[in-house]
Each structure stands twice: as structure tokens, then as C-alpha cells.
Amino acid sequence: MQSRSLARELALLVLGQLSDRDHQDAADLQLDSVLQKALETLQQHWRESLDASAQDLEKAQQSLLDSELQDGGDHSSSVVRDHLKAALTTAEQVLNSLSGSLELPRLLALADQETVRHGAMRRVSLVLEQRSGIDARLDGVMEGWRLSRLPRIDRDILRLAVVDLTSLKTPSAVACNEAVELANRYSDDQGRRMINGVLRRLQNAAPASSAGS
């Protein structure tokens, strides 16, 4: 993982600990403390997701037993499949998140820490300073949705992508691909599709916006 990619991921974790109404100066943030809180929040989310997955598996098992006792036929088989699909989807998402995030401490130790930390906090600062403008730009390409209706993690992935595209002048293909990678790690199927679509529309709108400025 390149320093830029790691910096972006750290920025995402830091932003997740700040309220959308928080106007705190990024210079006042203690990265180690915020990152530790972010990891604790993620661990809690994973525990809850795994609990939900376990409940779906229990429901699938119960539905399977009921179908054997009652000879429920196709309907019972469909219910079992639905519960199993939900359980496996949730478990897959948690495992994907864990596989990426458990690497963060090792990668941070191996990387140029000052470069990574500087890149992360610069991104956090830019999002905090420009959040209203970034959100307005994203709302402009949401097509029937509002950014505020998205889960927090999806909003921050999109905000960081805008910062990369505008302030940091990251090549469009690189910024979008790395935003999708973050979505693969931290979001769900619906979130990934939404982020992909918004970024495509953002790219398509960029020439018109540039021409008008």
C-alpha cells in the first residue's frame, strides 16, 4: 500500500470520530488518540455485525428445522436461503474490513510515518475547511438523494475523493479507484454502488464545472 493510500485510510478513520457539526481545527487533533478511538469504534461495529450474522444463521437453522417438521416445500427453502445469504453477506463484509484494518498498525510502522501522518491530517484539514462546499458539490450529482442520507462512512469516502480530485490534484482514475477500494473495505454493496455512481457523475460534471469557472 502506498503512503498516499494509507494516509487516505487514516484520514477516513479520523473523520469518522468527528461530528459533521464539528469545526475543530485538525492541528489540535492527537492522531494516535483519535485513531485508537476509531479502531475501537470499528471493533464495536464488527462485533455488532457478527452478532447480526449469527442471528441470521440461527434463523436459517430454525427455518430448516421447521421445514423438515412441516414439509414446507419451496417457501421454507426460500426463507432458509434468504437468511443464509444475509448472514454470509454480513460476515463477508466484516472479514473484508478486518483483513484490511488489522494491517494498519504494521503498515504504519513500516511506512514513512511522518509522510503518512502529514498526508492524513492534511486531508482531514481540507475536509473540515471545505466541508460545506464539498457537500454542496456532491449533492449536485446525487440524483434524487441527499448526501446527508448516506451512512457516515460513505459520506467521508466521497468527501476525501473530492479533496483528492480538487485540492490535491490526484489523477481522476487514481482518486476514484482508491475511493472504491475504501468502499470495498468499509462499506456494503449498496454503499459501493452509490459511491461508484456518484464518483462517475462527479467526473462527468468536472469539465463543465471547470469551463464555467
N, C-alpha and C. Protein backbone atom coordinates (compact mmCIF):
# COMPACT_ATOMS: atom_id res chain seq x y z
N MET A 1 0.85 -1.19 0.00
CA MET A 1 0.00 0.00 0.00
C MET A 1 0.88 1.24 0.00
N GLN A 2 0.63 2.18 -0.88
CA GLN A 2 1.41 3.40 -0.96
C GLN A 2 1.10 4.30 0.23
N SER A 3 2.04 5.21 0.51
CA SER A 3 1.84 6.15 1.62
C SER A 3 0.55 6.95 1.44
N ARG A 4 0.26 7.33 0.19
CA ARG A 4 -0.96 8.11 -0.06
C ARG A 4 -2.21 7.33 0.31
N SER A 5 -2.24 6.05 -0.07
CA SER A 5 -3.40 5.22 0.23
C SER A 5 -3.58 5.05 1.73
N LEU A 6 -2.48 4.83 2.43
CA LEU A 6 -2.55 4.67 3.88
C LEU A 6 -2.97 5.98 4.54
N ALA A 7 -2.44 7.10 4.03
CA ALA A 7 -2.83 8.41 4.58
C ALA A 7 -4.33 8.64 4.40
N ARG A 8 -4.85 8.25 3.26
CA ARG A 8 -6.28 8.43 3.00
C ARG A 8 -7.11 7.58 3.96
N GLU A 9 -6.66 6.36 4.19
CA GLU A 9 -7.40 5.47 5.09
C GLU A 9 -7.35 5.98 6.52
N LEU A 10 -6.21 6.47 6.95
CA LEU A 10 -6.12 7.06 8.28
C LEU A 10 -7.02 8.28 8.40
N ALA A 11 -7.05 9.10 7.35
CA ALA A 11 -7.92 10.28 7.35
C ALA A 11 -9.38 9.87 7.49
N LEU A 12 -9.76 8.80 6.81
CA LEU A 12 -11.14 8.31 6.90
C LEU A 12 -11.48 7.90 8.32
N LEU A 13 -10.56 7.21 8.98
CA LEU A 13 -10.80 6.78 10.36
C LEU A 13 -10.89 7.98 11.31
N VAL A 14 -10.05 8.99 11.08
CA VAL A 14 -10.09 10.19 11.92
C VAL A 14 -11.40 10.93 11.73
N LEU A 15 -11.81 11.12 10.48
CA LEU A 15 -13.05 11.85 10.20
C LEU A 15 -14.26 11.16 10.83
N GLY A 16 -14.20 9.84 10.91
CA GLY A 16 -15.31 9.10 11.49
C GLY A 16 -15.53 9.39 12.95
N GLN A 17 -14.52 9.98 13.61
CA GLN A 17 -14.64 10.30 15.03
C GLN A 17 -15.10 11.74 15.26
N LEU A 18 -15.31 12.50 14.18
CA LEU A 18 -15.68 13.90 14.31
C LEU A 18 -17.11 14.10 13.83
N SER A 19 -17.86 14.89 14.54
CA SER A 19 -19.22 15.19 14.15
C SER A 19 -19.24 16.05 12.89
N ASP A 20 -20.29 15.90 12.08
CA ASP A 20 -20.44 16.76 10.91
C ASP A 20 -20.59 18.22 11.31
N ARG A 21 -20.95 18.46 12.57
CA ARG A 21 -21.08 19.84 13.05
C ARG A 21 -19.82 20.31 13.76
N ASP A 22 -18.81 19.44 13.77
CA ASP A 22 -17.58 19.75 14.48
C ASP A 22 -16.68 20.62 13.60
N HIS A 23 -16.28 21.77 14.12
CA HIS A 23 -15.41 22.68 13.39
C HIS A 23 -14.02 22.72 14.01
N GLN A 24 -13.65 21.62 14.66
CA GLN A 24 -12.35 21.56 15.32
C GLN A 24 -11.23 21.71 14.31
N ASP A 25 -10.19 22.41 14.71
CA ASP A 25 -9.00 22.56 13.87
C ASP A 25 -8.24 21.24 13.88
N ALA A 26 -7.92 20.74 12.68
CA ALA A 26 -7.21 19.46 12.61
C ALA A 26 -5.87 19.51 13.32
N ALA A 27 -5.29 20.69 13.41
CA ALA A 27 -3.99 20.82 14.08
C ALA A 27 -4.10 20.49 15.57
N ASP A 28 -5.31 20.59 16.12
CA ASP A 28 -5.50 20.30 17.55
C ASP A 28 -5.72 18.82 17.83
N LEU A 29 -5.88 18.02 16.77
CA LEU A 29 -6.18 16.61 16.96
C LEU A 29 -4.91 15.82 17.28
N GLN A 30 -5.03 14.89 18.20
CA GLN A 30 -3.95 13.97 18.51
C GLN A 30 -4.21 12.68 17.72
N LEU A 31 -3.44 12.48 16.65
CA LEU A 31 -3.74 11.40 15.73
C LEU A 31 -3.77 10.04 16.40
N ASP A 32 -2.79 9.76 17.27
CA ASP A 32 -2.75 8.44 17.91
C ASP A 32 -4.01 8.18 18.72
N SER A 33 -4.45 9.19 19.48
CA SER A 33 -5.63 9.06 20.32
C SER A 33 -6.89 8.87 19.48
N VAL A 34 -7.02 9.70 18.43
CA VAL A 34 -8.20 9.61 17.57
C VAL A 34 -8.23 8.28 16.84
N LEU A 35 -7.06 7.83 16.36
CA LEU A 35 -7.00 6.56 15.64
C LEU A 35 -7.38 5.40 16.55
N GLN A 36 -6.94 5.44 17.81
CA GLN A 36 -7.29 4.39 18.75
C GLN A 36 -8.80 4.35 18.96
N LYS A 37 -9.42 5.53 19.09
CA LYS A 37 -10.88 5.58 19.24
C LYS A 37 -11.57 5.04 17.99
N ALA A 38 -10.99 5.36 16.82
CA ALA A 38 -11.58 4.90 15.56
C ALA A 38 -11.55 3.38 15.48
N LEU A 39 -10.42 2.79 15.86
CA LEU A 39 -10.31 1.34 15.83
C LEU A 39 -11.27 0.69 16.82
N GLU A 40 -11.45 1.32 17.98
CA GLU A 40 -12.40 0.80 18.97
C GLU A 40 -13.83 0.85 18.42
N THR A 41 -14.14 1.95 17.72
CA THR A 41 -15.47 2.08 17.11
C THR A 41 -15.69 1.01 16.05
N LEU A 42 -14.66 0.77 15.23
CA LEU A 42 -14.76 -0.26 14.20
C LEU A 42 -14.94 -1.64 14.82
N GLN A 43 -14.20 -1.91 15.89
CA GLN A 43 -14.32 -3.21 16.54
C GLN A 43 -15.73 -3.43 17.08
N GLN A 44 -16.31 -2.38 17.65
CA GLN A 44 -17.68 -2.47 18.14
C GLN A 44 -18.65 -2.74 16.99
N HIS A 45 -18.43 -2.05 15.87
CA HIS A 45 -19.28 -2.25 14.68
C HIS A 45 -19.15 -3.69 14.19
N TRP A 46 -17.92 -4.21 14.16
CA TRP A 46 -17.74 -5.58 13.69
C TRP A 46 -18.40 -6.58 14.63
N ARG A 47 -18.30 -6.33 15.94
CA ARG A 47 -18.95 -7.23 16.89
C ARG A 47 -20.47 -7.25 16.66
N GLU A 48 -21.03 -6.06 16.47
CA GLU A 48 -22.48 -5.99 16.24
C GLU A 48 -22.86 -6.67 14.93
N SER A 49 -22.04 -6.49 13.89
CA SER A 49 -22.33 -7.11 12.60
C SER A 49 -22.24 -8.63 12.70
N LEU A 50 -21.23 -9.13 13.43
CA LEU A 50 -21.10 -10.57 13.59
C LEU A 50 -22.26 -11.13 14.41
N ASP A 51 -22.73 -10.37 15.41
CA ASP A 51 -23.90 -10.80 16.18
C ASP A 51 -25.12 -10.91 15.26
N ALA A 52 -25.29 -9.93 14.37
CA ALA A 52 -26.42 -9.96 13.44
C ALA A 52 -26.29 -11.15 12.49
N SER A 53 -25.06 -11.41 12.05
CA SER A 53 -24.83 -12.56 11.17
C SER A 53 -25.17 -13.87 11.88
N ALA A 54 -24.79 -13.97 13.16
CA ALA A 54 -25.09 -15.17 13.94
C ALA A 54 -26.60 -15.35 14.10
N GLN A 55 -27.33 -14.24 14.28
CA GLN A 55 -28.78 -14.32 14.40
C GLN A 55 -29.42 -14.82 13.11
N ASP A 56 -28.88 -14.34 11.96
CA ASP A 56 -29.41 -14.81 10.68
C ASP A 56 -29.15 -16.31 10.50
N LEU A 57 -27.98 -16.76 10.94
CA LEU A 57 -27.69 -18.19 10.85
C LEU A 57 -28.62 -19.00 11.74
N GLU A 58 -28.93 -18.48 12.92
CA GLU A 58 -29.87 -19.17 13.80
C GLU A 58 -31.26 -19.24 13.18
N LYS A 59 -31.67 -18.13 12.53
CA LYS A 59 -32.97 -18.12 11.87
C LYS A 59 -33.00 -19.13 10.72
N ALA A 60 -31.90 -19.21 9.97
CA ALA A 60 -31.83 -20.17 8.87
C ALA A 60 -31.92 -21.59 9.40
N GLN A 61 -31.22 -21.86 10.51
CA GLN A 61 -31.27 -23.19 11.11
C GLN A 61 -32.67 -23.52 11.60
N GLN A 62 -33.34 -22.54 12.23
CA GLN A 62 -34.70 -22.77 12.73
C GLN A 62 -35.67 -22.99 11.58
N SER A 63 -35.51 -22.20 10.51
CA SER A 63 -36.39 -22.36 9.34
C SER A 63 -36.18 -23.72 8.71
N LEU A 64 -34.93 -24.19 8.70
CA LEU A 64 -34.64 -25.51 8.14
C LEU A 64 -35.29 -26.61 8.97
N LEU A 65 -35.22 -26.47 10.30
CA LEU A 65 -35.88 -27.45 11.17
C LEU A 65 -37.39 -27.44 10.98
N ASP A 66 -37.95 -26.21 10.89
CA ASP A 66 -39.40 -26.09 10.71
C ASP A 66 -39.84 -26.73 9.40
N SER A 67 -39.04 -26.53 8.36
CA SER A 67 -39.42 -27.09 7.05
C SER A 67 -39.37 -28.61 7.07
N GLU A 68 -38.43 -29.19 7.83
CA GLU A 68 -38.34 -30.64 7.93
C GLU A 68 -39.53 -31.20 8.70
N LEU A 69 -39.98 -30.44 9.72
CA LEU A 69 -41.10 -30.91 10.53
C LEU A 69 -42.43 -30.72 9.82
N GLN A 70 -42.54 -29.62 9.04
CA GLN A 70 -43.83 -29.26 8.45
C GLN A 70 -43.90 -29.53 6.96
N ASP A 71 -42.79 -29.96 6.38
CA ASP A 71 -42.73 -30.17 4.93
C ASP A 71 -43.16 -28.91 4.19
N GLY A 72 -42.48 -27.80 4.52
CA GLY A 72 -42.88 -26.50 3.98
C GLY A 72 -42.57 -26.29 2.53
N GLY A 73 -41.77 -27.14 1.92
CA GLY A 73 -41.52 -27.05 0.49
C GLY A 73 -40.68 -25.86 0.08
N ASP A 74 -41.03 -25.33 -1.10
CA ASP A 74 -40.22 -24.27 -1.71
C ASP A 74 -40.17 -23.01 -0.86
N HIS A 75 -41.28 -22.67 -0.20
CA HIS A 75 -41.31 -21.44 0.60
C HIS A 75 -40.28 -21.49 1.72
N SER A 76 -40.24 -22.62 2.43
CA SER A 76 -39.28 -22.75 3.52
C SER A 76 -37.86 -22.72 3.00
N SER A 77 -37.62 -23.35 1.86
CA SER A 77 -36.28 -23.34 1.28
C SER A 77 -35.85 -21.92 0.93
N SER A 78 -36.81 -21.15 0.44
CA SER A 78 -36.51 -19.76 0.09
C SER A 78 -36.17 -18.94 1.32
N VAL A 79 -36.90 -19.16 2.41
CA VAL A 79 -36.63 -18.44 3.66
C VAL A 79 -35.25 -18.79 4.18
N VAL A 80 -34.90 -20.07 4.14
CA VAL A 80 -33.58 -20.50 4.60
C VAL A 80 -32.49 -19.85 3.77
N ARG A 81 -32.68 -19.85 2.44
CA ARG A 81 -31.68 -19.23 1.56
C ARG A 81 -31.52 -17.75 1.86
N ASP A 82 -32.64 -17.06 2.11
CA ASP A 82 -32.57 -15.63 2.41
C ASP A 82 -31.77 -15.36 3.67
N HIS A 83 -32.03 -16.15 4.72
CA HIS A 83 -31.30 -15.97 5.98
C HIS A 83 -29.82 -16.28 5.81
N LEU A 84 -29.52 -17.35 5.07
CA LEU A 84 -28.13 -17.72 4.86
C LEU A 84 -27.40 -16.65 4.04
N LYS A 85 -28.07 -16.12 3.02
CA LYS A 85 -27.47 -15.09 2.19
C LYS A 85 -27.16 -13.85 3.02
N ALA A 86 -28.11 -13.44 3.87
CA ALA A 86 -27.90 -12.26 4.72
C ALA A 86 -26.73 -12.49 5.68
N ALA A 87 -26.68 -13.68 6.27
CA ALA A 87 -25.61 -13.97 7.22
C ALA A 87 -24.25 -13.97 6.55
N LEU A 88 -24.15 -14.60 5.39
CA LEU A 88 -22.87 -14.69 4.69
C LEU A 88 -22.42 -13.34 4.17
N THR A 89 -23.37 -12.52 3.71
CA THR A 89 -23.02 -11.19 3.22
C THR A 89 -22.44 -10.33 4.34
N THR A 90 -23.10 -10.37 5.50
CA THR A 90 -22.61 -9.59 6.64
C THR A 90 -21.25 -10.08 7.10
N ALA A 91 -21.10 -11.39 7.19
CA ALA A 91 -19.82 -11.95 7.63
C ALA A 91 -18.71 -11.61 6.65
N GLU A 92 -19.01 -11.64 5.36
CA GLU A 92 -18.00 -11.30 4.35
C GLU A 92 -17.55 -9.85 4.50
N GLN A 93 -18.50 -8.95 4.73
CA GLN A 93 -18.16 -7.54 4.89
C GLN A 93 -17.25 -7.33 6.11
N VAL A 94 -17.58 -8.00 7.23
CA VAL A 94 -16.76 -7.86 8.43
C VAL A 94 -15.36 -8.41 8.19
N LEU A 95 -15.27 -9.56 7.54
CA LEU A 95 -13.96 -10.16 7.29
C LEU A 95 -13.12 -9.30 6.36
N ASN A 96 -13.76 -8.69 5.35
CA ASN A 96 -13.03 -7.79 4.45
C ASN A 96 -12.48 -6.59 5.22
N SER A 97 -13.30 -6.03 6.09
CA SER A 97 -12.87 -4.88 6.88
C SER A 97 -11.72 -5.26 7.82
N LEU A 98 -11.87 -6.42 8.47
CA LEU A 98 -10.84 -6.86 9.38
C LEU A 98 -9.52 -7.12 8.67
N SER A 99 -9.58 -7.75 7.50
CA SER A 99 -8.36 -8.10 6.79
C SER A 99 -7.56 -6.87 6.41
N GLY A 100 -8.27 -5.79 6.08
CA GLY A 100 -7.57 -4.56 5.74
C GLY A 100 -7.10 -3.80 6.96
N SER A 101 -7.97 -3.62 7.91
CA SER A 101 -7.67 -2.74 9.04
C SER A 101 -6.68 -3.34 10.02
N LEU A 102 -6.62 -4.66 10.13
CA LEU A 102 -5.65 -5.27 11.02
C LEU A 102 -4.22 -5.04 10.52
N GLU A 103 -4.09 -4.65 9.24
CA GLU A 103 -2.79 -4.35 8.67
C GLU A 103 -2.32 -2.94 9.01
N LEU A 104 -3.22 -2.07 9.45
CA LEU A 104 -2.86 -0.66 9.64
C LEU A 104 -1.68 -0.45 10.59
N PRO A 105 -1.67 -1.06 11.78
CA PRO A 105 -0.52 -0.81 12.67
C PRO A 105 0.80 -1.23 12.05
N ARG A 106 0.83 -2.40 11.39
CA ARG A 106 2.07 -2.87 10.78
C ARG A 106 2.49 -1.94 9.64
N LEU A 107 1.53 -1.56 8.81
CA LEU A 107 1.86 -0.71 7.67
C LEU A 107 2.34 0.66 8.13
N LEU A 108 1.72 1.18 9.19
CA LEU A 108 2.14 2.48 9.71
C LEU A 108 3.57 2.40 10.25
N ALA A 109 3.91 1.27 10.87
CA ALA A 109 5.26 1.10 11.40
C ALA A 109 6.29 0.99 10.28
N LEU A 110 5.88 0.35 9.16
CA LEU A 110 6.81 0.15 8.06
C LEU A 110 6.93 1.38 7.16
N ALA A 111 5.87 2.15 7.10
CA ALA A 111 5.86 3.31 6.19
C ALA A 111 6.64 4.48 6.79
N ASP A 112 6.82 5.50 5.95
CA ASP A 112 7.40 6.75 6.43
C ASP A 112 6.32 7.43 7.27
N GLN A 113 6.39 7.29 8.58
CA GLN A 113 5.29 7.72 9.43
C GLN A 113 5.00 9.21 9.30
N GLU A 114 6.04 10.01 9.21
CA GLU A 114 5.81 11.45 9.12
C GLU A 114 5.06 11.81 7.85
N THR A 115 5.42 11.16 6.74
CA THR A 115 4.73 11.40 5.46
C THR A 115 3.28 10.96 5.54
N VAL A 116 3.06 9.78 6.13
CA VAL A 116 1.70 9.25 6.24
C VAL A 116 0.85 10.13 7.14
N ARG A 117 1.38 10.49 8.29
CA ARG A 117 0.63 11.31 9.24
C ARG A 117 0.33 12.69 8.63
N HIS A 118 1.33 13.27 7.98
CA HIS A 118 1.11 14.58 7.36
C HIS A 118 0.03 14.48 6.29
N GLY A 119 0.09 13.44 5.46
CA GLY A 119 -0.92 13.27 4.42
C GLY A 119 -2.31 13.07 4.98
N ALA A 120 -2.40 12.29 6.06
CA ALA A 120 -3.71 12.04 6.68
C ALA A 120 -4.29 13.33 7.25
N MET A 121 -3.48 14.07 8.02
CA MET A 121 -4.00 15.26 8.67
C MET A 121 -4.26 16.39 7.68
N ARG A 122 -3.50 16.41 6.59
CA ARG A 122 -3.79 17.41 5.55
C ARG A 122 -5.16 17.15 4.94
N ARG A 123 -5.46 15.89 4.69
CA ARG A 123 -6.77 15.54 4.14
C ARG A 123 -7.90 15.88 5.13
N VAL A 124 -7.67 15.57 6.40
CA VAL A 124 -8.67 15.89 7.41
C VAL A 124 -8.89 17.40 7.45
N SER A 125 -7.81 18.17 7.44
CA SER A 125 -7.93 19.64 7.48
C SER A 125 -8.72 20.16 6.28
N LEU A 126 -8.43 19.64 5.10
CA LEU A 126 -9.11 20.11 3.89
C LEU A 126 -10.61 19.79 3.94
N VAL A 127 -10.93 18.59 4.43
CA VAL A 127 -12.36 18.24 4.53
C VAL A 127 -13.05 19.16 5.52
N LEU A 128 -12.44 19.39 6.68
CA LEU A 128 -13.06 20.25 7.70
C LEU A 128 -13.21 21.68 7.19
N GLU A 129 -12.20 22.18 6.48
CA GLU A 129 -12.24 23.57 6.00
C GLU A 129 -13.25 23.74 4.86
N GLN A 130 -13.40 22.73 4.03
CA GLN A 130 -14.19 22.88 2.81
C GLN A 130 -15.48 22.07 2.83
N ARG A 131 -15.86 21.56 3.99
CA ARG A 131 -16.95 20.58 4.04
C ARG A 131 -18.24 21.08 3.41
N SER A 132 -18.64 22.32 3.68
CA SER A 132 -19.91 22.80 3.13
C SER A 132 -19.85 22.85 1.60
N GLY A 133 -18.74 23.31 1.04
CA GLY A 133 -18.61 23.35 -0.40
C GLY A 133 -18.53 21.97 -1.02
N ILE A 134 -17.79 21.07 -0.36
CA ILE A 134 -17.69 19.69 -0.84
C ILE A 134 -19.06 19.03 -0.85
N ASP A 135 -19.80 19.21 0.26
CA ASP A 135 -21.12 18.58 0.36
C ASP A 135 -22.08 19.13 -0.68
N ALA A 136 -22.01 20.43 -0.95
CA ALA A 136 -22.87 21.02 -1.98
C ALA A 136 -22.54 20.45 -3.35
N ARG A 137 -21.27 20.26 -3.61
CA ARG A 137 -20.85 19.70 -4.90
C ARG A 137 -21.34 18.27 -5.05
N LEU A 138 -21.23 17.49 -3.99
CA LEU A 138 -21.72 16.11 -4.04
C LEU A 138 -23.23 16.05 -4.16
N ASP A 139 -23.93 16.91 -3.42
CA ASP A 139 -25.39 16.95 -3.53
C ASP A 139 -25.82 17.25 -4.96
N GLY A 140 -25.00 18.03 -5.68
CA GLY A 140 -25.34 18.41 -7.04
C GLY A 140 -25.34 17.25 -8.02
N VAL A 141 -24.70 16.14 -7.66
CA VAL A 141 -24.67 14.99 -8.57
C VAL A 141 -25.31 13.74 -7.96
N MET A 142 -26.08 13.92 -6.88
CA MET A 142 -26.64 12.77 -6.19
C MET A 142 -27.88 12.17 -6.86
N GLU A 143 -28.55 12.95 -7.72
CA GLU A 143 -29.71 12.45 -8.49
C GLU A 143 -30.80 11.86 -7.58
N GLY A 144 -31.50 12.73 -6.91
CA GLY A 144 -32.64 12.30 -6.11
C GLY A 144 -32.31 11.96 -4.66
N TRP A 145 -31.04 11.93 -4.31
CA TRP A 145 -30.62 11.66 -2.94
C TRP A 145 -29.95 12.89 -2.37
N ARG A 146 -29.81 12.89 -1.06
CA ARG A 146 -29.02 13.92 -0.39
C ARG A 146 -27.86 13.23 0.30
N LEU A 147 -26.73 13.90 0.31
CA LEU A 147 -25.55 13.33 0.94
C LEU A 147 -25.83 12.98 2.40
N SER A 148 -26.63 13.80 3.07
CA SER A 148 -26.91 13.59 4.49
C SER A 148 -27.64 12.28 4.76
N ARG A 149 -28.25 11.68 3.73
CA ARG A 149 -28.98 10.42 3.91
C ARG A 149 -28.06 9.20 3.85
N LEU A 150 -26.82 9.40 3.41
CA LEU A 150 -25.88 8.28 3.32
C LEU A 150 -25.27 7.98 4.68
N PRO A 151 -24.83 6.75 4.90
CA PRO A 151 -24.09 6.43 6.13
C PRO A 151 -22.85 7.30 6.23
N ARG A 152 -22.43 7.58 7.45
CA ARG A 152 -21.31 8.48 7.66
C ARG A 152 -20.05 8.03 6.92
N ILE A 153 -19.75 6.75 6.93
CA ILE A 153 -18.53 6.25 6.29
C ILE A 153 -18.56 6.54 4.80
N ASP A 154 -19.74 6.42 4.17
CA ASP A 154 -19.85 6.68 2.73
C ASP A 154 -19.67 8.17 2.43
N ARG A 155 -20.23 9.02 3.30
CA ARG A 155 -20.07 10.46 3.10
C ARG A 155 -18.59 10.85 3.16
N ASP A 156 -17.88 10.30 4.13
CA ASP A 156 -16.48 10.67 4.28
C ASP A 156 -15.60 10.12 3.16
N ILE A 157 -15.92 8.94 2.66
CA ILE A 157 -15.19 8.41 1.50
C ILE A 157 -15.35 9.35 0.31
N LEU A 158 -16.57 9.82 0.08
CA LEU A 158 -16.83 10.74 -1.03
C LEU A 158 -16.14 12.08 -0.81
N ARG A 159 -16.19 12.59 0.42
CA ARG A 159 -15.54 13.87 0.72
C ARG A 159 -14.03 13.79 0.46
N LEU A 160 -13.42 12.71 0.87
CA LEU A 160 -11.99 12.54 0.65
C LEU A 160 -11.68 12.42 -0.84
N ALA A 161 -12.56 11.79 -1.59
CA ALA A 161 -12.35 11.70 -3.04
C ALA A 161 -12.38 13.09 -3.67
N VAL A 162 -13.32 13.94 -3.23
CA VAL A 162 -13.40 15.30 -3.77
C VAL A 162 -12.14 16.08 -3.44
N VAL A 163 -11.66 15.93 -2.21
CA VAL A 163 -10.42 16.61 -1.81
C VAL A 163 -9.26 16.17 -2.70
N ASP A 164 -9.19 14.86 -2.96
CA ASP A 164 -8.13 14.35 -3.83
C ASP A 164 -8.24 14.95 -5.23
N LEU A 165 -9.45 14.99 -5.76
CA LEU A 165 -9.65 15.45 -7.12
C LEU A 165 -9.40 16.95 -7.27
N THR A 166 -9.75 17.72 -6.26
CA THR A 166 -9.69 19.18 -6.39
C THR A 166 -8.44 19.78 -5.75
N SER A 167 -8.31 19.64 -4.47
CA SER A 167 -7.21 20.31 -3.76
C SER A 167 -5.86 19.63 -3.97
N LEU A 168 -5.84 18.30 -4.01
CA LEU A 168 -4.58 17.57 -4.09
C LEU A 168 -4.21 17.19 -5.52
N LYS A 169 -5.12 17.43 -6.46
CA LYS A 169 -4.85 17.20 -7.89
C LYS A 169 -4.43 15.76 -8.18
N THR A 170 -5.00 14.83 -7.44
CA THR A 170 -4.75 13.41 -7.72
C THR A 170 -5.43 13.06 -9.04
N PRO A 171 -4.77 12.30 -9.91
CA PRO A 171 -5.42 11.89 -11.16
C PRO A 171 -6.77 11.26 -10.90
N SER A 172 -7.73 11.60 -11.75
CA SER A 172 -9.11 11.19 -11.53
C SER A 172 -9.25 9.67 -11.37
N ALA A 173 -8.62 8.91 -12.26
CA ALA A 173 -8.76 7.45 -12.19
C ALA A 173 -8.21 6.91 -10.88
N VAL A 174 -7.09 7.48 -10.42
CA VAL A 174 -6.47 7.03 -9.17
C VAL A 174 -7.37 7.36 -7.98
N ALA A 175 -7.85 8.60 -7.92
CA ALA A 175 -8.69 9.02 -6.79
C ALA A 175 -9.95 8.18 -6.70
N CYS A 176 -10.59 7.94 -7.84
CA CYS A 176 -11.83 7.17 -7.84
C CYS A 176 -11.59 5.70 -7.50
N ASN A 177 -10.53 5.13 -8.06
CA ASN A 177 -10.22 3.73 -7.77
C ASN A 177 -9.93 3.52 -6.28
N GLU A 178 -9.20 4.46 -5.68
CA GLU A 178 -8.85 4.30 -4.28
C GLU A 178 -10.06 4.56 -3.37
N ALA A 179 -10.97 5.43 -3.82
CA ALA A 179 -12.21 5.62 -3.06
C ALA A 179 -13.04 4.34 -3.09
N VAL A 180 -13.08 3.68 -4.23
CA VAL A 180 -13.82 2.42 -4.34
C VAL A 180 -13.17 1.35 -3.47
N GLU A 181 -11.83 1.36 -3.39
CA GLU A 181 -11.14 0.41 -2.52
C GLU A 181 -11.54 0.62 -1.06
N LEU A 182 -11.63 1.88 -0.65
CA LEU A 182 -12.09 2.15 0.72
C LEU A 182 -13.52 1.67 0.91
N ALA A 183 -14.35 1.87 -0.10
CA ALA A 183 -15.74 1.41 -0.02
C ALA A 183 -15.79 -0.12 0.09
N ASN A 184 -14.92 -0.80 -0.65
CA ASN A 184 -14.87 -2.27 -0.57
C ASN A 184 -14.52 -2.73 0.84
N ARG A 185 -13.71 -1.94 1.53
CA ARG A 185 -13.24 -2.34 2.85
C ARG A 185 -14.21 -1.95 3.95
N TYR A 186 -14.86 -0.80 3.81
CA TYR A 186 -15.61 -0.26 4.95
C TYR A 186 -17.12 -0.14 4.72
N SER A 187 -17.57 -0.24 3.47
CA SER A 187 -18.99 -0.06 3.20
C SER A 187 -19.63 -1.40 2.84
N ASP A 188 -20.90 -1.34 2.40
CA ASP A 188 -21.58 -2.56 1.96
C ASP A 188 -21.88 -2.46 0.47
N ASP A 189 -22.60 -3.44 -0.07
CA ASP A 189 -22.86 -3.47 -1.51
C ASP A 189 -23.58 -2.21 -1.97
N GLN A 190 -24.61 -1.80 -1.23
CA GLN A 190 -25.36 -0.62 -1.61
C GLN A 190 -24.48 0.62 -1.58
N GLY A 191 -23.65 0.72 -0.53
CA GLY A 191 -22.75 1.86 -0.43
C GLY A 191 -21.73 1.89 -1.56
N ARG A 192 -21.18 0.74 -1.91
CA ARG A 192 -20.21 0.68 -3.00
C ARG A 192 -20.83 1.14 -4.32
N ARG A 193 -22.05 0.67 -4.57
CA ARG A 193 -22.72 1.08 -5.82
C ARG A 193 -22.99 2.57 -5.83
N MET A 194 -23.45 3.10 -4.69
CA MET A 194 -23.75 4.52 -4.60
C MET A 194 -22.48 5.35 -4.82
N ILE A 195 -21.41 4.99 -4.14
CA ILE A 195 -20.15 5.73 -4.25
C ILE A 195 -19.63 5.69 -5.68
N ASN A 196 -19.69 4.52 -6.29
CA ASN A 196 -19.25 4.38 -7.69
C ASN A 196 -20.04 5.30 -8.60
N GLY A 197 -21.37 5.31 -8.44
CA GLY A 197 -22.22 6.13 -9.29
C GLY A 197 -21.98 7.62 -9.09
N VAL A 198 -21.85 8.04 -7.84
CA VAL A 198 -21.62 9.46 -7.55
C VAL A 198 -20.29 9.92 -8.13
N LEU A 199 -19.25 9.09 -7.97
CA LEU A 199 -17.94 9.46 -8.50
C LEU A 199 -17.96 9.54 -10.03
N ARG A 200 -18.68 8.65 -10.67
CA ARG A 200 -18.78 8.72 -12.13
C ARG A 200 -19.45 10.02 -12.56
N ARG A 201 -20.54 10.37 -11.88
CA ARG A 201 -21.24 11.61 -12.24
C ARG A 201 -20.39 12.83 -11.91
N LEU A 202 -19.61 12.73 -10.83
CA LEU A 202 -18.72 13.83 -10.46
C LEU A 202 -17.66 14.03 -11.54
N GLN A 203 -17.12 12.93 -12.05
CA GLN A 203 -16.13 13.02 -13.12
C GLN A 203 -16.74 13.62 -14.38
N ASN A 204 -17.94 13.18 -14.71
CA ASN A 204 -18.61 13.68 -15.92
C ASN A 204 -18.92 15.16 -15.81
N ALA A 205 -19.21 15.63 -14.58
CA ALA A 205 -19.56 17.03 -14.40
C ALA A 205 -18.33 17.92 -14.32
N ALA A 206 -17.15 17.34 -14.10
CA ALA A 206 -15.94 18.13 -13.88
C ALA A 206 -15.58 19.05 -15.04
N PRO A 207 -15.63 18.60 -16.33
CA PRO A 207 -15.26 19.51 -17.42
C PRO A 207 -16.17 20.71 -17.50
N ALA A 208 -17.49 20.47 -17.29
CA ALA A 208 -18.44 21.58 -17.35
C ALA A 208 -18.18 22.57 -16.23
N SER A 209 -17.86 22.04 -15.01
CA SER A 209 -17.59 22.92 -13.88
C SER A 209 -16.34 23.74 -14.14
N SER A 210 -15.29 23.09 -14.72
CA SER A 210 -14.05 23.77 -14.97
C SER A 210 -14.21 24.87 -16.02
N ALA A 211 -15.06 24.56 -17.03
CA ALA A 211 -15.28 25.52 -18.10
C ALA A 211 -15.99 26.75 -17.60
N GLY A 212 -16.84 26.52 -16.59
CA GLY A 212 -17.62 27.65 -16.09
C GLY A 212 -16.90 28.48 -15.09
N SER A 213 -15.73 28.00 -14.57
CA SER A 213 -15.03 28.74 -13.52
C SER A 213 -14.05 29.72 -14.10
